[in-house]
Amino acid sequence: MSENNKKLFTVIIFSENTVGLLNQITIIFTRRQLNIETLSVSPSAIAGVHKFTITTFADEVTIEKIVKQIDKRVDILKAYYNTDEDLVYQEIALYKLCTELFVKMGGVEDLIRKYDARVLDINESCVVLEKNGHYEETQALFRELSERIGVLQFIRSGRIAITKSKVERLSDMLAAVEERIRKKN
C-alpha cells in the first residue's frame, strides 16, 4: 500500500466550520503533488471545533512542510500528522450483492463470521453487508466476494482516527493559550 519511499501519514486538522476551508486545504496537498487517499470531516469532542482526518502517502520532510503550511491558515486552530502507530483508526465499507447469488453461495454464515461483517439490509434483489476495520480487512472481504459471486456496488469511507494519548492534543494547546491569557490579565 505504499509508493516508493513514501509512508502513509494521517493528518489531523482542527478548525472552526468555515466555508471554503476544505478547498484551501486540498490546494496545499495539490501544490506538493500529494494525493489525498482518504478524507473524513466531523465535529470534534470540543464544541464548535471540527476535525479533518486526511491520509496521504509522503515522506516525513514533505508531510512536516504540509502540516506547517496548513497550520499557518487563519481558520486553522491546529494541525498534526501521525503514523498508524500513534492512532486507533477504522474505516467502514458497504458491499451490495445479488440476493439470489448470495443465498446460493455456500458458507455465507462462515464468511460473515470470518470477516466480522453484518447484514444491514436484505430484500428480493440485493443484500447489503457492512464491514468495519482497516483497509486491508475491508479489501480482503471485497476480493473474496468479487471472486465468489461478484459485487454490485462497493464503497469505503475515509479513515476515522483518534490518538492513543489520553486527551486530544488540541485540548492541551487550548488550555495553554487560556493559561497565558489568564496570566496576562
Protein backbone atom coordinates (compact mmCIF):
# COMPACT_ATOMS: atom_id res chain seq x y z
CA MET A 1 0.00 0.00 0.00
CA SER A 2 2.99 2.34 -0.16
CA GLU A 3 4.51 4.29 -3.01
CA ASN A 4 8.33 4.09 -3.32
CA ASN A 5 9.92 5.59 -0.16
CA LYS A 6 6.68 7.18 0.94
CA LYS A 7 4.77 6.22 4.06
CA LEU A 8 1.08 6.61 4.89
CA PHE A 9 0.51 9.55 7.23
CA THR A 10 -2.70 10.67 8.87
CA VAL A 11 -3.07 14.44 9.09
CA ILE A 12 -5.49 15.66 11.74
CA ILE A 13 -6.65 19.26 11.46
CA PHE A 14 -8.79 21.18 13.94
CA SER A 15 -10.70 24.23 12.75
CA GLU A 16 -13.88 26.18 13.02
CA ASN A 17 -16.52 25.14 10.48
CA THR A 18 -15.60 27.66 7.77
CA VAL A 19 -16.94 27.67 4.21
CA GLY A 20 -14.18 27.07 1.65
CA LEU A 21 -11.65 25.72 4.13
CA LEU A 22 -11.59 22.24 2.61
CA ASN A 23 -10.71 23.76 -0.76
CA GLN A 24 -7.83 25.71 0.81
CA ILE A 25 -6.52 22.55 2.48
CA THR A 26 -6.70 20.44 -0.69
CA ILE A 27 -4.79 23.11 -2.65
CA ILE A 28 -1.89 22.73 -0.19
CA PHE A 29 -1.75 18.98 -0.95
CA THR A 30 -2.10 19.57 -4.70
CA ARG A 31 0.78 22.08 -4.80
CA ARG A 32 3.04 19.43 -3.24
CA GLN A 33 1.70 16.87 -5.74
CA LEU A 34 0.28 14.66 -3.00
CA ASN A 35 -2.89 12.70 -3.47
CA ILE A 36 -5.39 12.62 -0.61
CA GLU A 37 -6.12 8.93 -0.09
CA THR A 38 -9.00 9.34 2.38
CA LEU A 39 -10.81 12.29 3.92
CA SER A 40 -13.27 12.49 6.77
CA VAL A 41 -14.66 15.63 8.43
CA SER A 42 -16.82 15.80 11.54
CA PRO A 43 -17.38 17.78 14.72
CA SER A 44 -14.74 17.05 17.37
CA ALA A 45 -15.16 16.49 21.11
CA ILE A 46 -14.67 20.24 21.59
CA ALA A 47 -17.81 22.32 20.97
CA GLY A 48 -17.57 24.47 17.83
CA VAL A 49 -14.43 22.72 16.56
CA HIS A 50 -14.37 20.45 13.51
CA LYS A 51 -11.84 17.72 12.87
CA PHE A 52 -10.47 16.81 9.44
CA THR A 53 -8.80 13.41 9.14
CA ILE A 54 -6.77 13.07 5.93
CA THR A 55 -4.49 10.24 4.83
CA THR A 56 -1.75 10.65 2.24
CA PHE A 57 1.48 8.98 1.18
CA ALA A 58 4.53 11.21 1.71
CA ASP A 59 7.98 11.33 3.17
CA GLU A 60 8.35 12.88 6.62
CA VAL A 61 10.02 16.08 5.37
CA THR A 62 7.14 16.77 2.96
CA ILE A 63 4.42 15.97 5.49
CA GLU A 64 6.05 18.30 8.04
CA LYS A 65 6.02 21.11 5.46
CA ILE A 66 2.38 20.46 4.59
CA VAL A 67 1.28 20.50 8.22
CA LYS A 68 3.21 23.73 8.85
CA GLN A 69 1.53 25.32 5.82
CA ILE A 70 -1.91 24.21 6.97
CA ASP A 71 -1.17 25.42 10.50
CA LYS A 72 -0.46 28.95 9.17
CA ARG A 73 -4.01 29.32 7.82
CA VAL A 74 -6.08 31.77 9.87
CA ASP A 75 -9.07 29.42 10.14
CA ILE A 76 -6.96 26.50 11.41
CA LEU A 77 -6.69 26.02 15.16
CA LYS A 78 -4.03 23.31 14.92
CA ALA A 79 -2.78 20.62 12.54
CA TYR A 80 -0.80 17.47 13.35
CA TYR A 81 0.46 14.45 11.50
CA ASN A 82 0.60 10.91 12.84
CA THR A 83 1.69 7.44 11.82
CA ASP A 84 -0.55 4.41 12.27
CA GLU A 85 1.30 3.53 15.49
CA ASP A 86 0.06 6.78 17.12
CA LEU A 87 -3.60 6.14 16.35
CA VAL A 88 -6.64 3.98 16.83
CA TYR A 89 -8.39 4.06 13.47
CA GLN A 90 -11.10 2.40 11.41
CA GLU A 91 -12.88 2.55 8.08
CA ILE A 92 -16.33 1.33 7.17
CA ALA A 93 -17.17 -0.47 3.95
CA LEU A 94 -20.51 -1.37 2.38
CA TYR A 95 -20.96 -4.16 -0.17
CA LYS A 96 -24.10 -4.62 -2.31
CA LEU A 97 -24.60 -8.16 -3.56
CA CYS A 98 -27.22 -10.00 -5.60
CA THR A 99 -29.56 -11.74 -3.12
CA GLU A 100 -30.02 -14.84 -5.30
CA LEU A 101 -26.25 -15.38 -5.68
CA PHE A 102 -25.60 -14.56 -2.03
CA VAL A 103 -28.16 -17.11 -0.82
CA LYS A 104 -26.81 -19.79 -3.19
CA MET A 105 -23.20 -19.10 -2.15
CA GLY A 106 -22.03 -21.77 0.25
CA GLY A 107 -20.72 -20.81 3.68
CA VAL A 108 -22.45 -17.44 3.98
CA GLU A 109 -22.58 -17.60 7.78
CA ASP A 110 -18.92 -18.64 7.96
CA LEU A 111 -17.93 -15.77 5.64
CA ILE A 112 -19.80 -13.23 7.77
CA ARG A 113 -18.17 -14.60 10.96
CA LYS A 114 -14.72 -14.78 9.34
CA TYR A 115 -14.79 -11.09 8.42
CA ASP A 116 -16.89 -9.94 11.37
CA ALA A 117 -19.31 -8.38 8.89
CA ARG A 118 -23.00 -7.79 9.36
CA VAL A 119 -26.05 -7.74 7.13
CA LEU A 120 -27.52 -4.24 7.00
CA ASP A 121 -30.31 -4.87 4.52
CA ILE A 122 -31.73 -7.76 2.58
CA ASN A 123 -34.54 -7.79 0.06
CA GLU A 124 -35.53 -9.83 -3.00
CA SER A 125 -32.94 -8.15 -5.25
CA CYS A 126 -29.94 -7.28 -3.08
CA VAL A 127 -28.09 -7.78 0.17
CA VAL A 128 -26.01 -5.05 1.79
CA LEU A 129 -23.14 -6.07 4.06
CA GLU A 130 -21.16 -3.77 6.37
CA LYS A 131 -17.56 -4.33 7.47
CA ASN A 132 -15.65 -2.12 9.90
CA GLY A 133 -11.88 -2.41 10.04
CA HIS A 134 -8.62 -1.40 8.48
CA TYR A 135 -8.13 -1.03 4.73
CA GLU A 136 -6.58 -4.49 4.36
CA GLU A 137 -9.55 -6.14 6.12
CA THR A 138 -12.27 -4.37 4.11
CA GLN A 139 -10.33 -5.02 0.91
CA ALA A 140 -9.93 -8.74 1.71
CA LEU A 141 -13.71 -9.14 2.03
CA PHE A 142 -14.18 -7.22 -1.23
CA ARG A 143 -11.76 -9.54 -3.04
CA GLU A 144 -13.40 -12.70 -1.69
CA LEU A 145 -16.93 -11.54 -2.53
CA SER A 146 -15.80 -10.41 -6.00
CA GLU A 147 -14.24 -13.79 -6.72
CA ARG A 148 -17.14 -15.84 -5.36
CA ILE A 149 -20.28 -14.02 -6.54
CA GLY A 150 -19.40 -10.54 -7.74
CA VAL A 151 -20.07 -7.22 -6.03
CA LEU A 152 -22.77 -4.94 -7.47
CA GLN A 153 -21.64 -1.84 -5.55
CA PHE A 154 -18.86 -1.08 -3.09
CA ILE A 155 -17.98 1.98 -1.03
CA ARG A 156 -15.37 2.57 1.66
CA SER A 157 -15.35 5.56 4.00
CA GLY A 158 -12.39 7.72 4.78
CA ARG A 159 -10.34 6.86 7.81
CA ILE A 160 -11.61 7.99 11.16
CA ALA A 161 -8.94 8.19 13.83
CA ILE A 162 -8.21 9.23 17.37
CA THR A 163 -4.83 9.45 19.02
CA LYS A 164 -3.81 6.90 21.61
CA SER A 165 -2.99 9.70 24.07
CA LYS A 166 -5.44 10.39 26.90
CA VAL A 167 -6.65 13.74 25.58
CA GLU A 168 -6.81 15.38 22.18
CA ARG A 169 -3.63 17.41 21.58
CA LEU A 170 -5.80 20.40 20.73
CA SER A 171 -7.18 20.37 24.29
CA ASP A 172 -3.64 20.79 25.66
CA MET A 173 -2.93 23.64 23.23
CA LEU A 174 -6.19 25.46 24.06
CA ALA A 175 -5.56 25.06 27.80
CA ALA A 176 -2.07 26.58 27.40
CA VAL A 177 -3.50 29.54 25.44
CA GLU A 178 -6.17 30.11 28.12
CA GLU A 179 -3.49 29.96 30.84
CA ARG A 180 -1.35 32.59 29.04
CA ILE A 181 -4.38 34.87 28.65
CA ARG A 182 -5.28 34.42 32.31
CA LYS A 183 -1.72 35.30 33.41
CA LYS A 184 -1.73 38.47 31.26
CA ASN A 185 -4.99 39.66 32.85
